[in-house]
Amino acid sequence: MGYVLRVRLASFFTGAATASLLGFYILYKDYKVAHESISQQVKAVHESLDGRISVLENLKKTEVSHVEASQATE
């Protein structure tokens, strides 16, 4: 009876270890996919904000040049 119990316990722990490794691997892959998705979203927002800032800086430059031109003519 002791031999059968040892075989069953060994089989159980082998299965539990295999399931744990498989579970960790699936969680790791899920983490990597989620990280990549969030990284792409942040990159898109960053590029959008950079574009908006560039447009605002160009508007400011044109306003400054108009003000300087109007002051030079006065």
PDB file of N, CA and C in Angstrom:
ATOM      1  N   MET A   1       0.819  -1.198   0.000  1.00  0.00           N
ATOM      2  CA  MET A   1       0.000   0.000   0.000  1.00  0.00           C
ATOM      3  C   MET A   1       0.856   1.253   0.000  1.00  0.00           C
ATOM      4  N   GLY A   2       1.994   1.198   0.645  1.00  0.00           N
ATOM      5  CA  GLY A   2       2.859   2.358   0.711  1.00  0.00           C
ATOM      6  C   GLY A   2       3.409   2.742  -0.655  1.00  0.00           C
ATOM      7  N   TYR A   3       3.718   1.724  -1.484  1.00  0.00           N
ATOM      8  CA  TYR A   3       4.255   1.999  -2.813  1.00  0.00           C
ATOM      9  C   TYR A   3       3.232   2.720  -3.688  1.00  0.00           C
ATOM     10  N   VAL A   4       1.993   2.284  -3.633  1.00  0.00           N
ATOM     11  CA  VAL A   4       0.932   2.900  -4.439  1.00  0.00           C
ATOM     12  C   VAL A   4       0.704   4.344  -3.997  1.00  0.00           C
ATOM     13  N   LEU A   5       0.749   4.560  -2.693  1.00  0.00           N
ATOM     14  CA  LEU A   5       0.572   5.924  -2.183  1.00  0.00           C
ATOM     15  C   LEU A   5       1.710   6.828  -2.657  1.00  0.00           C
ATOM     16  N   ARG A   6       2.931   6.323  -2.633  1.00  0.00           N
ATOM     17  CA  ARG A   6       4.069   7.136  -3.106  1.00  0.00           C
ATOM     18  C   ARG A   6       3.944   7.441  -4.593  1.00  0.00           C
ATOM     19  N   VAL A   7       3.492   6.481  -5.370  1.00  0.00           N
ATOM     20  CA  VAL A   7       3.319   6.696  -6.811  1.00  0.00           C
ATOM     21  C   VAL A   7       2.232   7.736  -7.049  1.00  0.00           C
ATOM     22  N   ARG A   8       1.156   7.644  -6.315  1.00  0.00           N
ATOM     23  CA  ARG A   8       0.067   8.614  -6.478  1.00  0.00           C
ATOM     24  C   ARG A   8       0.510  10.013  -6.061  1.00  0.00           C
ATOM     25  N   LEU A   9       1.232  10.117  -4.944  1.00  0.00           N
ATOM     26  CA  LEU A   9       1.723  11.425  -4.509  1.00  0.00           C
ATOM     27  C   LEU A   9       2.718  12.007  -5.510  1.00  0.00           C
ATOM     28  N   ALA A  10       3.598  11.171  -6.029  1.00  0.00           N
ATOM     29  CA  ALA A  10       4.569  11.641  -7.025  1.00  0.00           C
ATOM     30  C   ALA A  10       3.846  12.112  -8.283  1.00  0.00           C
ATOM     31  N   SER A  11       2.836  11.381  -8.705  1.00  0.00           N
ATOM     32  CA  SER A  11       2.059  11.774  -9.882  1.00  0.00           C
ATOM     33  C   SER A  11       1.316  13.081  -9.626  1.00  0.00           C
ATOM     34  N   PHE A  12       0.745  13.201  -8.439  1.00  0.00           N
ATOM     35  CA  PHE A  12       0.021  14.425  -8.097  1.00  0.00           C
ATOM     36  C   PHE A  12       0.955  15.635  -8.117  1.00  0.00           C
ATOM     37  N   PHE A  13       2.114  15.522  -7.461  1.00  0.00           N
ATOM     38  CA  PHE A  13       3.034  16.659  -7.404  1.00  0.00           C
ATOM     39  C   PHE A  13       3.644  16.977  -8.772  1.00  0.00           C
ATOM     40  N   THR A  14       3.864  15.953  -9.574  1.00  0.00           N
ATOM     41  CA  THR A  14       4.344  16.195 -10.933  1.00  0.00           C
ATOM     42  C   THR A  14       3.299  16.951 -11.745  1.00  0.00           C
ATOM     43  N   GLY A  15       2.061  16.552 -11.624  1.00  0.00           N
ATOM     44  CA  GLY A  15       0.971  17.247 -12.320  1.00  0.00           C
ATOM     45  C   GLY A  15       0.793  18.669 -11.809  1.00  0.00           C
ATOM     46  N   ALA A  16       0.889  18.841 -10.493  1.00  0.00           N
ATOM     47  CA  ALA A  16       0.750  20.182  -9.922  1.00  0.00           C
ATOM     48  C   ALA A  16       1.890  21.086 -10.384  1.00  0.00           C
ATOM     49  N   ALA A  17       3.098  20.562 -10.433  1.00  0.00           N
ATOM     50  CA  ALA A  17       4.239  21.357 -10.887  1.00  0.00           C
ATOM     51  C   ALA A  17       4.087  21.722 -12.363  1.00  0.00           C
ATOM     52  N   THR A  18       3.643  20.780 -13.161  1.00  0.00           N
ATOM     53  CA  THR A  18       3.436  21.046 -14.591  1.00  0.00           C
ATOM     54  C   THR A  18       2.346  22.091 -14.789  1.00  0.00           C
ATOM     55  N   ALA A  19       1.267  21.962 -14.067  1.00  0.00           N
ATOM     56  CA  ALA A  19       0.182  22.937 -14.176  1.00  0.00           C
ATOM     57  C   ALA A  19       0.635  24.316 -13.713  1.00  0.00           C
ATOM     58  N   SER A  20       1.435  24.376 -12.672  1.00  0.00           N
ATOM     59  CA  SER A  20       1.958  25.657 -12.183  1.00  0.00           C
ATOM     60  C   SER A  20       2.849  26.321 -13.223  1.00  0.00           C
ATOM     61  N   LEU A  21       3.739  25.541 -13.815  1.00  0.00           N
ATOM     62  CA  LEU A  21       4.617  26.090 -14.845  1.00  0.00           C
ATOM     63  C   LEU A  21       3.833  26.586 -16.046  1.00  0.00           C
ATOM     64  N   LEU A  22       2.858  25.808 -16.459  1.00  0.00           N
ATOM     65  CA  LEU A  22       2.019  26.218 -17.585  1.00  0.00           C
ATOM     66  C   LEU A  22       1.235  27.479 -17.240  1.00  0.00           C
ATOM     67  N   GLY A  23       0.721  27.555 -16.029  1.00  0.00           N
ATOM     68  CA  GLY A  23      -0.013  28.746 -15.593  1.00  0.00           C
ATOM     69  C   GLY A  23       0.869  29.972 -15.546  1.00  0.00           C
ATOM     70  N   PHE A  24       2.078  29.828 -15.027  1.00  0.00           N
ATOM     71  CA  PHE A  24       3.010  30.962 -15.000  1.00  0.00           C
ATOM     72  C   PHE A  24       3.375  31.412 -16.407  1.00  0.00           C
ATOM     73  N   TYR A  25       3.561  30.455 -17.308  1.00  0.00           N
ATOM     74  CA  TYR A  25       3.891  30.800 -18.692  1.00  0.00           C
ATOM     75  C   TYR A  25       2.743  31.566 -19.350  1.00  0.00           C
ATOM     76  N   ILE A  26       1.528  31.135 -19.140  1.00  0.00           N
ATOM     77  CA  ILE A  26       0.362  31.822 -19.714  1.00  0.00           C
ATOM     78  C   ILE A  26       0.232  33.226 -19.124  1.00  0.00           C
ATOM     79  N   LEU A  27       0.409  33.353 -17.816  1.00  0.00           N
ATOM     80  CA  LEU A  27       0.362  34.677 -17.192  1.00  0.00           C
ATOM     81  C   LEU A  27       1.469  35.585 -17.709  1.00  0.00           C
ATOM     82  N   TYR A  28       2.656  35.032 -17.911  1.00  0.00           N
ATOM     83  CA  TYR A  28       3.777  35.812 -18.427  1.00  0.00           C
ATOM     84  C   TYR A  28       3.461  36.326 -19.830  1.00  0.00           C
ATOM     85  N   LYS A  29       2.944  35.455 -20.691  1.00  0.00           N
ATOM     86  CA  LYS A  29       2.594  35.873 -22.048  1.00  0.00           C
ATOM     87  C   LYS A  29       1.490  36.924 -22.020  1.00  0.00           C
ATOM     88  N   ASP A  30       0.511  36.755 -21.157  1.00  0.00           N
ATOM     89  CA  ASP A  30      -0.568  37.726 -21.030  1.00  0.00           C
ATOM     90  C   ASP A  30      -0.026  39.070 -20.564  1.00  0.00           C
ATOM     91  N   TYR A  31       0.912  39.035 -19.628  1.00  0.00           N
ATOM     92  CA  TYR A  31       1.545  40.259 -19.147  1.00  0.00           C
ATOM     93  C   TYR A  31       2.283  40.955 -20.282  1.00  0.00           C
ATOM     94  N   LYS A  32       3.027  40.200 -21.080  1.00  0.00           N
ATOM     95  CA  LYS A  32       3.781  40.797 -22.185  1.00  0.00           C
ATOM     96  C   LYS A  32       2.844  41.429 -23.217  1.00  0.00           C
ATOM     97  N   VAL A  33       1.745  40.773 -23.541  1.00  0.00           N
ATOM     98  CA  VAL A  33       0.782  41.310 -24.505  1.00  0.00           C
ATOM     99  C   VAL A  33       0.148  42.587 -23.958  1.00  0.00           C
ATOM    100  N   ALA A  34      -0.228  42.579 -22.685  1.00  0.00           N
ATOM    101  CA  ALA A  34      -0.839  43.765 -22.076  1.00  0.00           C
ATOM    102  C   ALA A  34       0.170  44.908 -22.022  1.00  0.00           C
ATOM    103  N   HIS A  35       1.409  44.615 -21.688  1.00  0.00           N
ATOM    104  CA  HIS A  35       2.448  45.649 -21.622  1.00  0.00           C
ATOM    105  C   HIS A  35       2.667  46.271 -23.000  1.00  0.00           C
ATOM    106  N   GLU A  36       2.718  45.456 -24.032  1.00  0.00           N
ATOM    107  CA  GLU A  36       2.910  45.963 -25.394  1.00  0.00           C
ATOM    108  C   GLU A  36       1.730  46.824 -25.830  1.00  0.00           C
ATOM    109  N   SER A  37       0.532  46.399 -25.480  1.00  0.00           N
ATOM    110  CA  SER A  37      -0.666  47.167 -25.836  1.00  0.00           C
ATOM    111  C   SER A  37      -0.663  48.534 -25.158  1.00  0.00           C
ATOM    112  N   ILE A  38      -0.376  48.554 -23.883  1.00  0.00           N
ATOM    113  CA  ILE A  38      -0.342  49.829 -23.153  1.00  0.00           C
ATOM    114  C   ILE A  38       0.788  50.707 -23.673  1.00  0.00           C
ATOM    115  N   SER A  39       1.917  50.106 -23.998  1.00  0.00           N
ATOM    116  CA  SER A  39       3.040  50.861 -24.535  1.00  0.00           C
ATOM    117  C   SER A  39       2.674  51.525 -25.860  1.00  0.00           C
ATOM    118  N   GLN A  40       1.972  50.818 -26.713  1.00  0.00           N
ATOM    119  CA  GLN A  40       1.542  51.392 -27.989  1.00  0.00           C
ATOM    120  C   GLN A  40       0.534  52.523 -27.780  1.00  0.00           C
ATOM    121  N   GLN A  41      -0.369  52.368 -26.826  1.00  0.00           N
ATOM    122  CA  GLN A  41      -1.343  53.421 -26.549  1.00  0.00           C
ATOM    123  C   GLN A  41      -0.655  54.678 -26.026  1.00  0.00           C
ATOM    124  N   VAL A  42       0.305  54.500 -25.130  1.00  0.00           N
ATOM    125  CA  VAL A  42       1.027  55.651 -24.579  1.00  0.00           C
ATOM    126  C   VAL A  42       1.846  56.324 -25.673  1.00  0.00           C
ATOM    127  N   LYS A  43       2.440  55.533 -26.545  1.00  0.00           N
ATOM    128  CA  LYS A  43       3.223  56.094 -27.648  1.00  0.00           C
ATOM    129  C   LYS A  43       2.328  56.919 -28.565  1.00  0.00           C
ATOM    130  N   ALA A  44       1.124  56.426 -28.854  1.00  0.00           N
ATOM    131  CA  ALA A  44       0.194  57.164 -29.710  1.00  0.00           C
ATOM    132  C   ALA A  44      -0.214  58.482 -29.057  1.00  0.00           C
ATOM    133  N   VAL A  45      -0.484  58.452 -27.768  1.00  0.00           N
ATOM    134  CA  VAL A  45      -0.856  59.686 -27.052  1.00  0.00           C
ATOM    135  C   VAL A  45       0.321  60.652 -27.041  1.00  0.00           C
ATOM    136  N   HIS A  46       1.517  60.139 -26.833  1.00  0.00           N
ATOM    137  CA  HIS A  46       2.719  60.978 -26.798  1.00  0.00           C
ATOM    138  C   HIS A  46       2.932  61.654 -28.150  1.00  0.00           C
ATOM    139  N   GLU A  47       2.780  60.901 -29.243  1.00  0.00           N
ATOM    140  CA  GLU A  47       2.947  61.479 -30.579  1.00  0.00           C
ATOM    141  C   GLU A  47       1.871  62.520 -30.855  1.00  0.00           C
ATOM    142  N   SER A  48       0.650  62.249 -30.412  1.00  0.00           N
ATOM    143  CA  SER A  48      -0.435  63.205 -30.602  1.00  0.00           C
ATOM    144  C   SER A  48      -0.146  64.501 -29.854  1.00  0.00           C
ATOM    145  N   LEU A  49       0.310  64.373 -28.620  1.00  0.00           N
ATOM    146  CA  LEU A  49       0.630  65.565 -27.837  1.00  0.00           C
ATOM    147  C   LEU A  49       1.809  66.330 -28.430  1.00  0.00           C
ATOM    148  N   ASP A  50       2.805  65.601 -28.933  1.00  0.00           N
ATOM    149  CA  ASP A  50       3.934  66.271 -29.583  1.00  0.00           C
ATOM    150  C   ASP A  50       3.467  67.066 -30.792  1.00  0.00           C
ATOM    151  N   GLY A  51       2.558  66.492 -31.563  1.00  0.00           N
ATOM    152  CA  GLY A  51       2.016  67.200 -32.714  1.00  0.00           C
ATOM    153  C   GLY A  51       1.262  68.453 -32.311  1.00  0.00           C
ATOM    154  N   ARG A  52       0.471  68.353 -31.283  1.00  0.00           N
ATOM    155  CA  ARG A  52      -0.289  69.515 -30.805  1.00  0.00           C
ATOM    156  C   ARG A  52       0.639  70.607 -30.288  1.00  0.00           C
ATOM    157  N   ILE A  53       1.669  70.203 -29.560  1.00  0.00           N
ATOM    158  CA  ILE A  53       2.621  71.184 -29.030  1.00  0.00           C
ATOM    159  C   ILE A  53       3.350  71.880 -30.180  1.00  0.00           C
ATOM    160  N   SER A  54       3.727  71.118 -31.201  1.00  0.00           N
ATOM    161  CA  SER A  54       4.397  71.715 -32.359  1.00  0.00           C
ATOM    162  C   SER A  54       3.501  72.737 -33.044  1.00  0.00           C
ATOM    163  N   VAL A  55       2.225  72.403 -33.194  1.00  0.00           N
ATOM    164  CA  VAL A  55       1.281  73.342 -33.820  1.00  0.00           C
ATOM    165  C   VAL A  55       1.156  74.600 -32.977  1.00  0.00           C
ATOM    166  N   LEU A  56       1.052  74.443 -31.666  1.00  0.00           N
ATOM    167  CA  LEU A  56       0.950  75.617 -30.793  1.00  0.00           C
ATOM    168  C   LEU A  56       2.217  76.458 -30.838  1.00  0.00           C
ATOM    169  N   GLU A  57       3.383  75.818 -30.883  1.00  0.00           N
ATOM    170  CA  GLU A  57       4.628  76.577 -30.969  1.00  0.00           C
ATOM    171  C   GLU A  57       4.708  77.343 -32.288  1.00  0.00           C
ATOM    172  N   ASN A  58       4.259  76.722 -33.379  1.00  0.00           N
ATOM    173  CA  ASN A  58       4.250  77.411 -34.674  1.00  0.00           C
ATOM    174  C   ASN A  58       3.287  78.587 -34.659  1.00  0.00           C
ATOM    175  N   LEU A  59       2.133  78.404 -34.021  1.00  0.00           N
ATOM    176  CA  LEU A  59       1.181  79.516 -33.907  1.00  0.00           C
ATOM    177  C   LEU A  59       1.775  80.655 -33.102  1.00  0.00           C
ATOM    178  N   LYS A  60       2.477  80.313 -32.044  1.00  0.00           N
ATOM    179  CA  LYS A  60       3.097  81.339 -31.210  1.00  0.00           C
ATOM    180  C   LYS A  60       4.169  82.092 -31.994  1.00  0.00           C
ATOM    181  N   LYS A  61       4.970  81.365 -32.785  1.00  0.00           N
ATOM    182  CA  LYS A  61       6.002  82.009 -33.595  1.00  0.00           C
ATOM    183  C   LYS A  61       5.388  82.963 -34.613  1.00  0.00           C
ATOM    184  N   THR A  62       4.280  82.549 -35.240  1.00  0.00           N
ATOM    185  CA  THR A  62       3.649  83.419 -36.228  1.00  0.00           C
ATOM    186  C   THR A  62       3.040  84.644 -35.556  1.00  0.00           C
ATOM    187  N   GLU A  63       2.491  84.478 -34.360  1.00  0.00           N
ATOM    188  CA  GLU A  63       1.947  85.623 -33.632  1.00  0.00           C
ATOM    189  C   GLU A  63       3.054  86.594 -33.260  1.00  0.00           C
ATOM    190  N   VAL A  64       4.182  86.073 -32.814  1.00  0.00           N
ATOM    191  CA  VAL A  64       5.298  86.921 -32.431  1.00  0.00           C
ATOM    192  C   VAL A  64       5.827  87.663 -33.656  1.00  0.00           C
ATOM    193  N   SER A  65       5.917  86.979 -34.774  1.00  0.00           N
ATOM    194  CA  SER A  65       6.415  87.641 -35.981  1.00  0.00           C
ATOM    195  C   SER A  65       5.439  88.703 -36.473  1.00  0.00           C
ATOM    196  N   HIS A  66       4.121  88.485 -36.324  1.00  0.00           N
ATOM    197  CA  HIS A  66       3.134  89.496 -36.709  1.00  0.00           C
ATOM    198  C   HIS A  66       3.231  90.708 -35.782  1.00  0.00           C
ATOM    199  N   VAL A  67       3.425  90.460 -34.489  1.00  0.00           N
ATOM    200  CA  VAL A  67       3.537  91.550 -33.541  1.00  0.00           C
ATOM    201  C   VAL A  67       4.807  92.362 -33.832  1.00  0.00           C
ATOM    202  N   GLU A  68       5.898  91.685 -34.083  1.00  0.00           N
ATOM    203  CA  GLU A  68       7.157  92.370 -34.399  1.00  0.00           C
ATOM    204  C   GLU A  68       7.040  93.163 -35.696  1.00  0.00           C
ATOM    205  N   ALA A  69       6.351  92.596 -36.683  1.00  0.00           N
ATOM    206  CA  ALA A  69       6.178  93.300 -37.957  1.00  0.00           C
ATOM    207  C   ALA A  69       5.316  94.539 -37.792  1.00  0.00           C
ATOM    208  N   SER A  70       4.268  94.422 -36.952  1.00  0.00           N
ATOM    209  CA  SER A  70       3.402  95.570 -36.758  1.00  0.00           C
ATOM    210  C   SER A  70       4.104  96.662 -35.934  1.00  0.00           C
ATOM    211  N   GLN A  71       4.975  96.267 -35.010  1.00  0.00           N
ATOM    212  CA  GLN A  71       5.729  97.244 -34.242  1.00  0.00           C
ATOM    213  C   GLN A  71       6.803  97.919 -35.092  1.00  0.00           C
ATOM    214  N   ALA A  72       7.339  97.203 -36.044  1.00  0.00           N
ATOM    215  CA  ALA A  72       8.388  97.761 -36.906  1.00  0.00           C
ATOM    216  C   ALA A  72       7.788  98.793 -37.873  1.00  0.00           C
ATOM    217  N   THR A  73       6.535  98.610 -38.268  1.00  0.00           N
ATOM    218  CA  THR A  73       5.902  99.555 -39.199  1.00  0.00           C
ATOM    219  C   THR A  73       5.411 100.798 -38.484  1.00  0.00           C
ATOM    220  N   GLU A  74       5.264 100.746 -37.220  1.00  0.00           N
ATOM    221  CA  GLU A  74       4.735 101.910 -36.488  1.00  0.00           C
ATOM    222  C   GLU A  74       5.755 102.951 -36.245  1.00  0.00           C
TER     223      GLU A  74
END
